Amino acid sequence: MVTTLVFYFFLPPILTTYFFEYFNLNPFSIIKFFNFNPFSADLGIPSYQTFLYLLMLWCGLNGALWLILWVASLLYTYWAVWRR
């Protein structure tokens, strides 16, 4: 289970980083974060910065999805109890 969890959290950002690096794209135009300037590097954007940025987005998206599903389950539980 731990291996599946590691694959789930790290594989999408790794593959997306490879895609952005292969086609020389700028992933930082997806969403702007405060005080995050990856363009301070002289020779382009290092891969680890692209990976960390995409990992933050991926974890944020998973956290938001978890929160939505958790609230929906609470609402359903209250609705099911109220209906009885």
N, C-alpha and C. Protein backbone atom coordinates (compact mmCIF):
# COMPACT_ATOMS: atom_id res chain seq x y z
N MET A 1 0.81 -1.19 0.00
CA MET A 1 0.00 0.00 0.00
C MET A 1 0.86 1.25 0.00
N VAL A 2 1.96 1.20 0.68
CA VAL A 2 2.83 2.37 0.72
C VAL A 2 3.39 2.65 -0.67
N THR A 3 3.74 1.60 -1.40
CA THR A 3 4.26 1.77 -2.75
C THR A 3 3.21 2.40 -3.66
N THR A 4 1.97 1.98 -3.53
CA THR A 4 0.89 2.56 -4.33
C THR A 4 0.72 4.03 -3.99
N LEU A 5 0.79 4.37 -2.71
CA LEU A 5 0.67 5.76 -2.28
C LEU A 5 1.81 6.60 -2.84
N VAL A 6 3.02 6.07 -2.81
CA VAL A 6 4.17 6.79 -3.37
C VAL A 6 3.99 7.00 -4.87
N PHE A 7 3.58 5.96 -5.57
CA PHE A 7 3.33 6.10 -7.01
C PHE A 7 2.24 7.14 -7.29
N TYR A 8 1.18 7.12 -6.49
CA TYR A 8 0.07 8.04 -6.70
C TYR A 8 0.50 9.49 -6.51
N PHE A 9 1.32 9.77 -5.50
CA PHE A 9 1.70 11.14 -5.24
C PHE A 9 2.85 11.63 -6.12
N PHE A 10 3.78 10.76 -6.49
CA PHE A 10 4.96 11.23 -7.19
C PHE A 10 4.95 10.99 -8.69
N LEU A 11 4.24 10.00 -9.18
CA LEU A 11 4.28 9.70 -10.60
C LEU A 11 3.69 10.80 -11.49
N PRO A 12 2.50 11.36 -11.19
CA PRO A 12 2.00 12.43 -12.06
C PRO A 12 2.91 13.66 -12.13
N PRO A 13 3.44 14.18 -11.00
CA PRO A 13 4.37 15.31 -11.14
C PRO A 13 5.66 14.96 -11.88
N ILE A 14 6.15 13.73 -11.70
CA ILE A 14 7.38 13.33 -12.40
C ILE A 14 7.14 13.28 -13.90
N LEU A 15 6.04 12.66 -14.32
CA LEU A 15 5.74 12.58 -15.75
C LEU A 15 5.46 13.95 -16.35
N THR A 16 4.76 14.80 -15.62
CA THR A 16 4.49 16.14 -16.12
C THR A 16 5.76 16.96 -16.19
N THR A 17 6.65 16.82 -15.22
CA THR A 17 7.94 17.52 -15.27
C THR A 17 8.74 17.08 -16.48
N TYR A 18 8.76 15.79 -16.73
CA TYR A 18 9.47 15.28 -17.91
C TYR A 18 8.87 15.86 -19.19
N PHE A 19 7.55 15.93 -19.26
CA PHE A 19 6.87 16.49 -20.43
C PHE A 19 7.25 17.95 -20.63
N PHE A 20 7.21 18.75 -19.55
CA PHE A 20 7.54 20.17 -19.65
C PHE A 20 9.00 20.38 -20.02
N GLU A 21 9.88 19.57 -19.44
CA GLU A 21 11.30 19.70 -19.76
C GLU A 21 11.60 19.25 -21.19
N TYR A 22 10.94 18.20 -21.65
CA TYR A 22 11.18 17.67 -22.99
C TYR A 22 10.78 18.67 -24.07
N PHE A 23 9.64 19.33 -23.88
CA PHE A 23 9.16 20.30 -24.87
C PHE A 23 9.55 21.73 -24.52
N ASN A 24 10.36 21.90 -23.49
CA ASN A 24 10.86 23.21 -23.07
C ASN A 24 9.71 24.19 -22.81
N LEU A 25 8.74 23.75 -22.03
CA LEU A 25 7.58 24.57 -21.69
C LEU A 25 7.76 25.18 -20.31
N ASN A 26 6.93 26.16 -20.00
CA ASN A 26 7.00 26.85 -18.72
C ASN A 26 5.79 26.45 -17.87
N PRO A 27 5.97 25.58 -16.89
CA PRO A 27 4.83 25.16 -16.07
C PRO A 27 4.38 26.22 -15.08
N PHE A 28 5.18 27.25 -14.87
CA PHE A 28 4.86 28.25 -13.86
C PHE A 28 3.78 29.22 -14.34
N SER A 29 3.35 29.09 -15.59
CA SER A 29 2.25 29.92 -16.06
C SER A 29 0.90 29.28 -15.76
N ILE A 30 0.89 28.09 -15.16
CA ILE A 30 -0.37 27.43 -14.80
C ILE A 30 -1.05 28.25 -13.70
N ILE A 31 -0.39 28.41 -12.58
CA ILE A 31 -0.91 29.19 -11.45
C ILE A 31 0.28 29.94 -10.85
N LYS A 32 0.09 31.20 -10.56
CA LYS A 32 1.15 32.01 -9.95
C LYS A 32 1.05 31.90 -8.42
N PHE A 33 2.17 31.63 -7.78
CA PHE A 33 2.23 31.63 -6.32
C PHE A 33 2.95 32.89 -5.86
N PHE A 34 2.62 33.34 -4.65
CA PHE A 34 3.30 34.50 -4.10
C PHE A 34 4.76 34.17 -3.78
N ASN A 35 5.64 35.10 -4.00
CA ASN A 35 7.06 35.00 -3.66
C ASN A 35 7.70 33.72 -4.19
N PHE A 36 7.36 33.34 -5.38
CA PHE A 36 7.94 32.14 -5.98
C PHE A 36 8.52 32.54 -7.33
N ASN A 37 9.82 32.77 -7.36
CA ASN A 37 10.47 33.24 -8.58
C ASN A 37 11.47 32.19 -9.05
N PRO A 38 11.04 31.29 -9.93
CA PRO A 38 11.97 30.27 -10.41
C PRO A 38 12.91 30.77 -11.49
N PHE A 39 12.71 32.00 -11.95
CA PHE A 39 13.50 32.51 -13.06
C PHE A 39 14.80 33.17 -12.60
N SER A 40 15.17 32.93 -11.35
CA SER A 40 16.42 33.48 -10.86
C SER A 40 17.62 32.68 -11.37
N ALA A 41 17.38 31.51 -11.95
CA ALA A 41 18.46 30.69 -12.49
C ALA A 41 18.95 31.26 -13.81
N ASP A 42 20.25 31.21 -14.04
CA ASP A 42 20.83 31.76 -15.26
C ASP A 42 20.62 30.86 -16.47
N LEU A 43 20.63 29.57 -16.27
CA LEU A 43 20.58 28.64 -17.39
C LEU A 43 19.24 27.93 -17.52
N GLY A 44 18.16 28.62 -17.23
CA GLY A 44 16.84 28.01 -17.35
C GLY A 44 16.33 27.52 -16.02
N ILE A 45 15.20 26.89 -16.06
CA ILE A 45 14.54 26.41 -14.85
C ILE A 45 15.01 25.00 -14.54
N PRO A 46 15.58 24.78 -13.36
CA PRO A 46 16.00 23.42 -13.00
C PRO A 46 14.80 22.48 -12.86
N SER A 47 15.03 21.22 -13.11
CA SER A 47 13.95 20.23 -13.06
C SER A 47 13.36 20.08 -11.67
N TYR A 48 14.18 20.22 -10.64
CA TYR A 48 13.64 20.03 -9.29
C TYR A 48 12.64 21.13 -8.94
N GLN A 49 12.83 22.37 -9.46
CA GLN A 49 11.86 23.42 -9.20
C GLN A 49 10.55 23.14 -9.91
N THR A 50 10.63 22.65 -11.13
CA THR A 50 9.42 22.28 -11.86
C THR A 50 8.70 21.15 -11.13
N PHE A 51 9.46 20.15 -10.67
CA PHE A 51 8.85 19.02 -9.96
C PHE A 51 8.20 19.47 -8.66
N LEU A 52 8.88 20.29 -7.87
CA LEU A 52 8.30 20.73 -6.60
C LEU A 52 7.05 21.57 -6.81
N TYR A 53 7.06 22.42 -7.84
CA TYR A 53 5.90 23.24 -8.15
C TYR A 53 4.71 22.35 -8.51
N LEU A 54 4.93 21.38 -9.39
CA LEU A 54 3.84 20.49 -9.80
C LEU A 54 3.41 19.58 -8.65
N LEU A 55 4.34 19.20 -7.78
CA LEU A 55 3.98 18.39 -6.61
C LEU A 55 3.08 19.19 -5.66
N MET A 56 3.39 20.49 -5.47
CA MET A 56 2.53 21.33 -4.64
C MET A 56 1.13 21.43 -5.23
N LEU A 57 1.04 21.63 -6.55
CA LEU A 57 -0.27 21.70 -7.20
C LEU A 57 -1.02 20.38 -7.06
N TRP A 58 -0.33 19.26 -7.26
CA TRP A 58 -0.95 17.94 -7.18
C TRP A 58 -1.46 17.66 -5.77
N CYS A 59 -0.66 17.97 -4.75
CA CYS A 59 -1.09 17.75 -3.37
C CYS A 59 -2.23 18.69 -2.99
N GLY A 60 -2.19 19.93 -3.48
CA GLY A 60 -3.29 20.86 -3.23
C GLY A 60 -4.58 20.39 -3.87
N LEU A 61 -4.50 19.90 -5.08
CA LEU A 61 -5.68 19.37 -5.76
C LEU A 61 -6.24 18.15 -5.03
N ASN A 62 -5.37 17.26 -4.58
CA ASN A 62 -5.82 16.09 -3.82
C ASN A 62 -6.42 16.49 -2.48
N GLY A 63 -5.84 17.48 -1.83
CA GLY A 63 -6.40 17.96 -0.57
C GLY A 63 -7.78 18.57 -0.75
N ALA A 64 -7.96 19.36 -1.81
CA ALA A 64 -9.26 19.96 -2.08
C ALA A 64 -10.30 18.88 -2.41
N LEU A 65 -9.91 17.90 -3.19
CA LEU A 65 -10.82 16.80 -3.52
C LEU A 65 -11.20 16.01 -2.27
N TRP A 66 -10.23 15.74 -1.40
CA TRP A 66 -10.51 15.03 -0.16
C TRP A 66 -11.48 15.83 0.70
N LEU A 67 -11.27 17.13 0.80
CA LEU A 67 -12.14 17.98 1.61
C LEU A 67 -13.57 17.99 1.07
N ILE A 68 -13.72 18.09 -0.25
CA ILE A 68 -15.05 18.09 -0.86
C ILE A 68 -15.76 16.76 -0.59
N LEU A 69 -15.05 15.65 -0.76
CA LEU A 69 -15.66 14.34 -0.52
C LEU A 69 -16.00 14.14 0.96
N TRP A 70 -15.17 14.65 1.84
CA TRP A 70 -15.42 14.53 3.28
C TRP A 70 -16.67 15.31 3.67
N VAL A 71 -16.79 16.55 3.18
CA VAL A 71 -17.97 17.37 3.47
C VAL A 71 -19.22 16.72 2.88
N ALA A 72 -19.10 16.18 1.67
CA ALA A 72 -20.25 15.51 1.05
C ALA A 72 -20.68 14.29 1.85
N SER A 73 -19.72 13.54 2.39
CA SER A 73 -20.09 12.37 3.20
C SER A 73 -20.75 12.80 4.51
N LEU A 74 -20.29 13.90 5.10
CA LEU A 74 -20.94 14.40 6.31
C LEU A 74 -22.37 14.85 6.02
N LEU A 75 -22.55 15.57 4.92
CA LEU A 75 -23.89 16.01 4.56
C LEU A 75 -24.81 14.83 4.28
N TYR A 76 -24.29 13.82 3.62
CA TYR A 76 -25.10 12.63 3.36
C TYR A 76 -25.46 11.91 4.66
N THR A 77 -24.52 11.83 5.59
CA THR A 77 -24.79 11.19 6.87
C THR A 77 -25.88 11.93 7.63
N TYR A 78 -25.78 13.27 7.68
CA TYR A 78 -26.81 14.05 8.35
C TYR A 78 -28.16 13.90 7.66
N TRP A 79 -28.15 13.85 6.35
CA TRP A 79 -29.39 13.69 5.60
C TRP A 79 -30.01 12.32 5.85
N ALA A 80 -29.18 11.28 5.87
CA ALA A 80 -29.68 9.92 6.09
C ALA A 80 -30.24 9.77 7.50
N VAL A 81 -29.60 10.37 8.50
CA VAL A 81 -30.09 10.30 9.88
C VAL A 81 -31.38 11.10 10.01
N TRP A 82 -31.46 12.26 9.40
CA TRP A 82 -32.64 13.11 9.48
C TRP A 82 -33.84 12.46 8.78
N ARG A 83 -33.58 11.69 7.75
CA ARG A 83 -34.64 11.06 6.96
C ARG A 83 -35.31 9.92 7.72
N ARG A 84 -34.62 9.30 8.65
CA ARG A 84 -35.20 8.17 9.41
C ARG A 84 -36.21 8.67 10.33
